[in-house]
């Protein structure tokens, strides 16, 4: 899907998961589909400050990574950062 977005935007880039090993090796936590305390805190922060809901695993983990990386400048100090939230909200209501 990301490569399709690059194409639609006319961007010459392409994306592979191997191109961003930081996320998989650092922010996945104890495993795939397992929530983390960092993700929970990030989701709570976004809900309280912006009224946006994140699913408790994937999107919350990604947002936690973003919150940690932004102040370090590792994402580019003069480069816009887009957090593309594509859904997952139904997981909030799973029993």
Protein backbone atom coordinates (compact mmCIF):
# COMPACT_ATOMS: atom_id res chain seq x y z
CA UNK A 1 0.00 0.00 0.00
CA UNK A 2 2.83 2.42 0.78
CA UNK A 3 4.43 1.92 -2.61
CA UNK A 4 1.04 2.65 -4.21
CA UNK A 5 0.88 5.93 -2.24
CA UNK A 6 4.38 6.85 -3.41
CA UNK A 7 3.30 6.17 -6.98
CA UNK A 8 0.12 8.27 -6.67
CA UNK A 9 2.15 11.16 -5.27
CA UNK A 10 4.65 10.89 -8.10
CA UNK A 11 7.43 10.15 -5.64
CA UNK A 12 10.40 8.20 -6.96
CA UNK A 13 10.75 6.21 -3.74
CA UNK A 14 9.74 2.71 -2.87
CA UNK A 15 9.31 1.13 0.52
CA UNK A 16 10.35 -2.17 2.03
CA UNK A 17 10.04 -3.27 5.65
CA UNK A 18 13.77 -4.00 5.65
CA UNK A 19 14.32 -0.32 4.96
CA UNK A 20 13.12 0.60 8.44
CA UNK A 21 14.43 -2.11 10.77
CA UNK A 22 14.30 0.31 13.69
CA UNK A 23 10.57 -0.15 14.12
CA UNK A 24 10.60 -3.95 14.05
CA UNK A 25 13.65 -4.40 16.24
CA UNK A 26 13.00 -1.61 18.73
CA UNK A 27 9.31 -0.87 19.08
CA UNK A 28 7.50 -4.17 18.51
CA UNK A 29 7.85 -5.02 22.22
CA UNK A 30 7.43 -8.60 23.40
CA UNK A 31 5.81 -9.63 20.12
CA UNK A 32 3.40 -9.08 17.28
CA UNK A 33 -0.16 -8.31 18.45
CA UNK A 34 0.94 -7.87 22.07
CA UNK A 35 0.27 -4.40 23.51
CA UNK A 36 3.06 -2.53 25.30
CA UNK A 37 2.93 -0.09 28.20
CA UNK A 38 4.62 2.51 25.97
CA UNK A 39 1.90 2.06 23.36
CA UNK A 40 -0.79 2.35 26.01
CA UNK A 41 0.70 5.57 27.34
CA UNK A 42 1.01 7.01 23.82
CA UNK A 43 -2.60 6.12 22.99
CA UNK A 44 -3.81 7.69 26.23
CA UNK A 45 -1.81 10.85 25.57
CA UNK A 46 -3.22 11.24 22.06
CA UNK A 47 -6.78 10.58 23.25
CA UNK A 48 -6.47 13.14 26.04
CA UNK A 49 -4.74 15.86 24.03
CA UNK A 50 -6.29 15.47 20.57
CA UNK A 51 -9.37 13.29 20.99
CA UNK A 52 -7.96 10.66 18.60
CA UNK A 53 -8.28 6.97 19.38
CA UNK A 54 -5.61 4.42 18.51
CA UNK A 55 -5.86 0.67 18.55
CA UNK A 56 -4.02 -0.74 21.59
CA UNK A 57 -1.35 -2.60 19.66
CA UNK A 58 -0.10 -1.66 16.22
CA UNK A 59 -1.01 2.00 15.91
CA UNK A 60 -0.32 2.70 19.58
CA UNK A 61 3.16 1.15 19.28
CA UNK A 62 3.87 3.17 16.15
CA UNK A 63 2.75 6.39 17.83
CA UNK A 64 4.90 5.60 20.88
CA UNK A 65 7.86 5.25 18.53
CA UNK A 66 7.03 8.58 16.91
CA UNK A 67 6.82 10.33 20.29
CA UNK A 68 10.19 8.92 21.30
CA UNK A 69 11.93 9.67 18.00
CA UNK A 70 10.67 13.21 17.34
CA UNK A 71 12.70 14.96 20.07
CA UNK A 72 15.87 13.14 19.01
CA UNK A 73 15.92 14.61 15.51
CA UNK A 74 16.27 11.13 14.02
CA UNK A 75 13.25 11.73 11.81
CA UNK A 76 14.67 14.90 10.33
CA UNK A 77 14.57 18.27 12.03
CA UNK A 78 13.42 20.22 8.98
CA UNK A 79 11.33 17.48 7.41
CA UNK A 80 7.57 17.13 7.88
CA UNK A 81 6.45 13.97 9.64
CA UNK A 82 3.13 12.37 8.80
CA UNK A 83 1.52 9.84 11.12
CA UNK A 84 -0.91 7.99 8.90
CA UNK A 85 -3.55 6.39 11.13
CA UNK A 86 -5.46 3.90 8.98
CA UNK A 87 -7.88 2.42 11.48
CA UNK A 88 -7.93 -0.33 14.03
CA UNK A 89 -10.41 1.37 16.31
CA UNK A 90 -12.70 -1.73 16.55
CA UNK A 91 -9.94 -3.42 18.59
CA UNK A 92 -10.69 -0.94 21.37
CA UNK A 93 -14.09 -2.55 21.87
CA UNK A 94 -13.09 -6.21 21.66
CA UNK A 95 -14.12 -8.28 24.64
